[in-house]
Protein backbone atom coordinates (compact mmCIF):
# COMPACT_ATOMS: atom_id res chain seq x y z
CA MET A 1 128.84 44.53 81.60
CA LYS A 2 125.43 45.14 80.05
CA LEU A 3 124.00 46.22 83.45
CA ARG A 4 126.65 48.96 83.74
CA LYS A 5 125.67 50.39 80.36
CA VAL A 6 122.00 50.45 81.34
CA ARG A 7 122.77 52.09 84.69
CA PHE A 8 124.98 54.66 83.00
CA SER A 9 122.23 55.41 80.47
CA PHE A 10 119.66 55.97 83.22
CA LEU A 11 122.06 58.17 85.18
CA ALA A 12 122.84 60.27 82.11
CA LEU A 13 119.13 60.61 81.33
CA ALA A 14 118.40 61.70 84.91
CA VAL A 15 121.13 64.37 84.80
CA ILE A 16 119.92 65.71 81.45
CA LEU A 17 116.28 65.82 82.57
CA GLY A 18 117.22 67.51 85.84
CA ALA A 19 119.26 70.20 84.10
CA GLY A 20 116.55 70.74 81.49
CA SER A 21 113.78 71.14 84.04
CA ALA A 22 115.91 73.52 86.12
CA LEU A 23 116.51 75.67 83.06
CA ALA A 24 112.84 75.58 82.07
CA THR A 25 111.68 76.86 85.46
CA THR A 26 114.14 79.76 85.51
CA VAL A 27 113.27 80.94 82.00
CA LYS A 28 109.53 81.16 82.71
CA THR A 29 108.37 84.76 83.18
CA ASN A 30 105.26 86.30 84.61
CA PRO A 31 103.61 88.72 82.15
CA LEU A 32 102.17 90.80 85.00
CA ARG A 33 105.69 91.58 86.23
CA GLU A 34 106.69 92.89 82.81
CA ALA A 35 103.75 95.32 82.63
CA THR A 36 103.91 98.85 84.01
CA GLN A 37 103.46 98.71 87.78
CA TYR A 38 101.29 101.23 89.63
CA TYR A 39 100.76 101.95 93.32
CA TRP A 40 97.87 103.54 95.20
CA ASN A 41 98.96 106.93 96.56
CA GLY A 42 95.80 107.61 98.55
CA SER A 43 93.87 109.47 95.87
CA GLY A 44 94.77 107.65 92.65
CA TYR A 45 97.19 105.33 90.93
CA ALA A 46 100.71 106.45 90.04
CA VAL A 47 103.58 104.75 88.22
CA ALA A 48 105.76 102.91 90.75
CA GLY A 49 108.97 102.75 88.72
CA VAL A 50 111.49 99.92 88.58
CA GLU A 51 111.38 97.31 91.34
CA GLY A 52 114.69 97.05 93.15
CA TYR A 53 115.77 100.49 91.91
CA ASP A 54 112.90 102.86 92.73
CA TYR A 55 110.98 100.68 95.19
CA VAL A 56 110.84 97.32 96.96
CA CYS A 57 107.86 95.32 98.11
CA GLU A 58 108.17 94.43 101.77
CA TRP A 59 106.17 91.71 103.46
CA SER A 60 102.69 92.68 104.61
CA GLN A 61 99.99 90.21 105.39
CA PHE A 62 97.04 92.04 103.87
CA GLY A 63 98.60 94.87 101.84
CA THR A 64 98.98 95.34 98.11
CA CYS A 65 102.30 96.55 96.81
CA THR A 66 101.62 97.14 93.12
CA TYR A 67 98.83 97.00 90.58
CA VAL A 68 98.66 96.61 86.80
CA PHE A 69 96.13 98.28 84.52
CA ASP A 70 93.77 95.88 82.74
CA SER A 71 92.76 97.64 79.52
CA ALA A 72 90.00 95.11 78.79
CA THR A 73 88.02 96.04 81.91
CA GLY A 74 89.47 99.52 82.52
CA THR A 75 90.41 98.65 86.10
CA TYR A 76 93.57 98.15 88.10
CA LYS A 77 94.31 94.59 89.23
CA ARG A 78 96.47 93.52 92.13
CA SER A 79 99.88 92.43 90.88
CA LYS A 80 102.03 91.91 93.95
CA TYR A 81 101.18 91.61 97.62
CA GLY A 82 103.10 93.46 100.31
CA LYS A 83 103.86 97.03 101.31
CA ILE A 84 105.64 99.37 98.93
CA SER A 85 108.75 101.13 100.21
CA PHE A 86 110.48 103.69 98.01
CA LEU A 87 114.25 103.70 97.74
CA ARG A 88 114.66 106.98 95.91
């Protein structure tokens, strides 16, 4: 009888830890994705808009889809790899 209680306790602990870690990984956000996204239009950087509404990033082996502006250095840094395709 005591072995069943111990097994049940371990099973309950495993379920709780699994659910907690799944929740923790989905809540984590990337601060670069929340910043204003820019794209290179050939002569300068322009605001890209909202991903999934104004544009999507398609797969590209060596391309850069969007950039973010780093105010500390005054430069644009690569944010997401791919090829930008506008929807609107």
